[in-house]
Protein backbone atom coordinates (compact mmCIF):
# COMPACT_ATOMS: atom_id res chain seq x y z
CA MET A 1 202.09 24.40 133.57
CA ASP A 2 204.75 25.60 130.89
CA SER A 3 204.07 23.57 127.00
CA LYS A 4 207.80 22.79 127.19
CA ASN A 5 207.63 20.35 129.70
CA ASN A 6 204.66 18.44 127.80
CA ILE A 7 205.88 15.16 126.74
CA LEU A 8 203.08 14.14 124.84
CA GLU A 9 199.76 15.70 123.28
CA ALA A 10 196.70 14.16 121.72
CA LYS A 11 194.51 16.69 120.14
CA ASP A 12 191.26 15.37 118.87
CA ILE A 13 192.03 11.59 118.51
CA LYS A 14 189.70 9.39 116.60
CA ARG A 15 189.70 5.65 115.28
CA HIS A 16 186.91 4.14 113.29
CA PHE A 17 186.95 0.71 111.66
CA GLN A 18 185.15 0.26 108.95
CA THR A 19 183.00 -3.64 109.02
CA PRO A 20 180.78 -3.86 106.31
CA GLU A 21 177.70 -3.39 108.10
CA THR A 22 178.71 -0.27 109.78
CA THR A 23 181.27 1.95 111.04
CA LEU A 24 182.65 1.16 114.38
CA LYS A 25 183.86 4.06 116.11
CA VAL A 26 185.89 3.23 119.43
CA LEU A 27 187.52 6.74 119.86
CA ASN A 28 185.57 9.67 119.15
CA GLY A 29 187.68 12.79 120.31
CA ILE A 30 190.28 12.03 122.52
CA SER A 31 192.71 14.81 123.74
CA LEU A 32 195.02 14.82 126.58
CA THR A 33 198.86 15.79 127.56
CA VAL A 34 201.19 13.74 129.28
CA VAL A 35 204.09 16.29 131.41
CA LYS A 36 207.92 14.88 131.85
CA GLY A 37 207.98 13.18 134.89
CA ASP A 38 204.40 12.70 135.21
CA MET A 39 202.82 8.74 135.92
CA VAL A 40 199.65 9.12 134.10
CA ALA A 41 196.75 6.37 134.24
CA VAL A 42 194.04 6.04 131.46
CA THR A 43 191.29 3.37 133.07
CA GLY A 44 187.95 2.20 131.85
CA ALA A 45 186.13 -1.09 131.16
CA SER A 46 187.57 -4.18 129.10
CA GLY A 47 186.78 -2.70 125.07
CA VAL A 48 186.49 0.64 125.91
CA GLY A 49 189.54 1.31 123.81
CA LYS A 50 192.37 1.75 126.24
CA SER A 51 195.14 -0.22 124.02
CA THR A 52 193.40 1.18 120.93
CA LEU A 53 194.43 4.54 122.51
CA LEU A 54 198.00 3.73 123.05
CA HIS A 55 198.83 2.38 120.09
CA LEU A 56 197.75 5.23 118.78
CA LEU A 57 199.81 7.26 120.80
CA GLY A 58 202.69 5.00 120.55
CA GLY A 59 202.88 4.87 116.71
CA LEU A 60 201.84 1.31 116.27
CA ASP A 61 198.84 2.72 114.52
CA ARG A 62 197.44 5.44 113.16
CA PRO A 63 194.19 8.09 114.20
CA THR A 64 191.03 8.26 111.54
CA SER A 65 191.90 11.67 112.61
CA GLY A 66 193.43 14.08 114.73
CA GLU A 67 197.18 14.62 115.88
CA VAL A 68 200.00 13.10 118.27
CA ARG A 69 203.04 14.87 119.09
CA ILE A 70 205.66 13.39 121.51
CA ASN A 71 208.13 15.92 122.62
CA ASN A 72 206.58 18.27 119.98
CA ILE A 73 206.89 16.24 117.04
CA LEU A 74 204.27 15.16 114.62
CA LEU A 75 203.74 11.30 114.78
CA THR A 76 200.86 11.47 112.26
CA ASP A 77 202.33 12.40 108.85
CA LYS A 78 205.25 10.16 109.64
CA THR A 79 206.35 7.26 107.28
CA GLU A 80 206.05 3.61 108.53
CA GLU A 81 209.87 3.36 108.25
CA GLU A 82 209.93 6.49 109.71
CA LEU A 83 207.91 5.83 112.70
CA ALA A 84 209.23 2.62 113.44
CA ASP A 85 212.56 4.34 113.70
CA PHE A 86 211.21 6.95 116.17
CA ARG A 87 209.47 4.33 118.26
CA ASN A 88 212.15 2.91 118.79
CA LYS A 89 214.52 5.91 119.93
CA HIS A 90 211.83 7.89 122.03
CA VAL A 91 208.60 4.86 123.39
CA GLY A 92 209.19 2.25 125.82
CA PHE A 93 206.08 -0.13 125.24
CA VAL A 94 205.58 -3.01 128.47
CA PHE A 95 202.40 -5.15 127.45
CA GLN A 96 200.55 -7.45 129.50
CA SER A 97 202.18 -10.31 127.36
CA HIS A 98 205.76 -9.34 127.41
CA TYR A 99 206.73 -10.41 124.23
CA LEU A 100 210.19 -11.74 125.21
CA LEU A 101 211.81 -13.79 122.53
CA GLN A 102 211.65 -17.18 123.69
CA ASP A 103 215.45 -18.21 121.96
CA PHE A 104 217.39 -15.04 123.92
CA SER A 105 218.28 -14.77 127.33
CA ALA A 106 216.75 -12.11 129.71
CA LEU A 107 220.35 -10.08 128.96
CA GLU A 108 220.19 -10.19 124.94
CA ASN A 109 216.45 -9.32 124.95
CA VAL A 110 217.77 -6.23 126.74
CA MET A 111 220.26 -5.64 124.13
CA ILE A 112 217.92 -5.92 121.07
CA PRO A 113 216.53 -2.61 121.21
CA LEU A 114 220.24 -0.84 121.82
CA LEU A 115 221.83 -3.40 118.65
CA VAL A 116 218.24 -2.20 116.53
CA ALA A 117 219.32 1.51 117.27
CA ARG A 118 223.15 1.22 116.09
CA LYS A 119 225.02 0.65 119.54
CA SER A 120 228.10 -1.50 119.44
CA HIS A 121 227.74 -4.91 121.10
CA HIS A 122 229.70 -3.97 123.94
CA GLU A 123 227.50 -0.80 124.67
CA ALA A 124 224.99 -2.77 124.35
CA ARG A 125 225.56 -5.07 126.57
CA LYS A 126 226.83 -2.97 129.02
CA LYS A 127 223.68 -0.98 129.38
CA ALA A 128 221.80 -4.26 129.60
CA GLU A 129 223.57 -5.31 132.53
CA LEU A 130 222.97 -2.36 134.00
CA LEU A 131 218.89 -2.03 133.37
CA LEU A 132 218.79 -5.68 134.74
CA ASP A 133 221.14 -4.75 137.92
CA PHE A 134 218.27 -1.65 137.97
CA VAL A 135 215.28 -4.35 138.01
CA GLY A 136 217.04 -6.48 140.53
CA LEU A 137 217.87 -9.23 137.90
CA SER A 138 221.68 -8.88 138.39
CA ASP A 139 221.32 -12.62 139.09
CA ARG A 140 219.01 -13.60 136.05
CA THR A 141 220.69 -12.54 132.93
CA SER A 142 221.80 -15.25 131.18
CA HIS A 143 218.26 -17.32 131.92
CA ARG A 144 215.88 -17.39 129.10
CA PRO A 145 212.20 -16.58 129.27
CA THR A 146 210.84 -20.29 130.16
CA GLN A 147 212.70 -20.19 133.03
CA LEU A 148 212.08 -16.78 134.53
CA SER A 149 208.84 -16.37 136.77
CA GLY A 150 205.60 -14.04 135.29
CA GLY A 151 207.33 -11.11 137.35
CA GLU A 152 210.83 -11.65 136.36
CA GLN A 153 209.54 -11.63 133.03
CA GLN A 154 207.99 -8.41 133.22
CA ARG A 155 210.67 -7.12 134.74
CA VAL A 156 212.47 -7.64 131.73
CA ALA A 157 210.39 -6.33 129.68
CA VAL A 158 210.58 -3.21 131.89
CA ALA A 159 214.06 -2.92 131.15
CA ARG A 160 214.07 -3.43 127.36
CA ALA A 161 211.42 -0.50 127.29
CA LEU A 162 214.09 1.47 129.24
CA ALA A 163 216.96 0.33 126.86
CA ASN A 164 216.88 3.61 124.64
CA GLU A 165 216.25 6.45 127.77
CA PRO A 166 212.69 6.92 125.80
CA ASP A 167 211.21 10.25 126.35
CA ILE A 168 207.74 8.03 126.99
CA VAL A 169 207.24 4.79 128.13
CA LEU A 170 203.35 3.24 127.36
CA ALA A 171 201.95 0.25 129.35
CA ASP A 172 199.31 -1.88 128.55
CA GLU A 173 197.96 -3.54 131.56
CA PRO A 174 201.22 -3.90 132.96
CA SER A 175 200.59 -6.29 135.89
CA GLY A 176 197.15 -8.26 134.28
CA ASN A 177 198.84 -11.14 133.97
CA LEU A 178 200.26 -11.49 137.54
CA ASP A 179 199.33 -12.26 140.75
CA THR A 180 198.09 -9.82 143.47
CA ALA A 181 202.04 -9.69 145.34
CA THR A 182 204.20 -9.79 142.25
CA GLY A 183 201.71 -7.12 140.57
CA ARG A 184 202.15 -4.77 143.36
CA LYS A 185 206.04 -5.24 143.23
CA LEU A 186 206.15 -4.08 139.65
CA HIS A 187 203.53 -1.21 140.65
CA ASP A 188 206.22 -0.06 143.10
CA LEU A 189 208.98 -0.48 140.83
CA LEU A 190 207.28 1.75 137.90
CA PHE A 191 206.08 4.07 140.33
CA ARG A 192 209.84 4.43 141.68
CA LEU A 193 211.27 4.98 138.25
CA SER A 194 208.75 7.64 137.83
CA GLN A 195 209.53 9.13 141.21
CA GLU A 196 213.31 9.43 141.50
CA HIS A 197 214.13 9.28 137.78
CA GLU A 198 211.49 11.59 136.71
CA MET A 199 210.80 9.03 133.88
CA THR A 200 207.20 9.70 131.96
CA PHE A 201 204.78 6.65 132.26
CA LEU A 202 200.75 6.80 130.72
CA ILE A 203 199.48 2.84 132.02
CA ALA A 204 196.39 2.20 130.46
CA THR A 205 194.75 -0.32 133.51
CA HIS A 206 191.91 -1.30 134.76
CA ASN A 207 193.54 -2.19 138.30
CA ASN A 208 192.19 0.26 140.88
CA GLU A 209 195.36 0.23 143.09
CA LEU A 210 198.32 0.84 140.53
CA ALA A 211 195.90 3.76 139.04
CA GLU A 212 195.55 5.24 142.42
CA MET A 213 199.41 5.67 142.58
CA CYS A 214 199.32 7.43 139.48
CA ARG A 215 199.08 11.73 139.75
CA GLN A 216 196.67 11.81 137.21
CA GLN A 217 193.78 9.50 136.35
CA TYR A 218 191.88 9.53 132.91
CA GLU A 219 188.92 7.33 131.84
CA ILE A 220 187.79 6.44 129.23
CA VAL A 221 183.82 6.43 128.66
CA GLU A 222 181.40 5.63 125.49
CA GLY A 223 184.43 7.10 122.84
CA LYS A 224 185.59 9.85 124.95
CA ILE A 225 187.82 10.48 127.80
CA ILE A 226 187.27 12.08 131.22
CA GLU A 227 189.85 13.31 133.48
CA ARG A 228 189.09 12.10 137.31
CA ARG A 229 191.72 13.64 139.02
């Protein structure tokens, strides 16, 4: 496929952690490509480095060596301030824990990245209302996280991740804290976003059902990555 369709490219990513006794080699040469509109799963045993990989690919952490590019923009030579600005504009994150701000409503939580991106309050509110309607929460906009179910909170987190129309959404065990039925509804939402709206997802998961919904699957084994399909 033409490389111009590549949203994310990682080349020989390594992440080592130094301890007083030894060097812990969590990732030891990871290379992968994610194409626009794709839904890609990264699987592997607990503690194998899935979250570490997503943090590196999204610019939340820096690799020991190797390169990460999103839309052909090199992340690994940016300053912390540049990375923060880049993440807000180009990368959406959905985590196992939703990380919603408890003192703010669902609407306000979705508005925050838009306001950080210097959108007007009116524009941010309008966009947030549209996104919450899109994920089926138009009747819950004024509710705070404690007034929402776990599945509803994760849908708010998805809406927030989409606020600035990111090039790619990185999801780390997005249904890990949800029951089976609620998790399936979230999986269906992510699949619909990818299929109908060409949104690009890279999902770290131990959920086989979610992984099977993805067109491409990778598995991390002993610090290396294996393409399963």
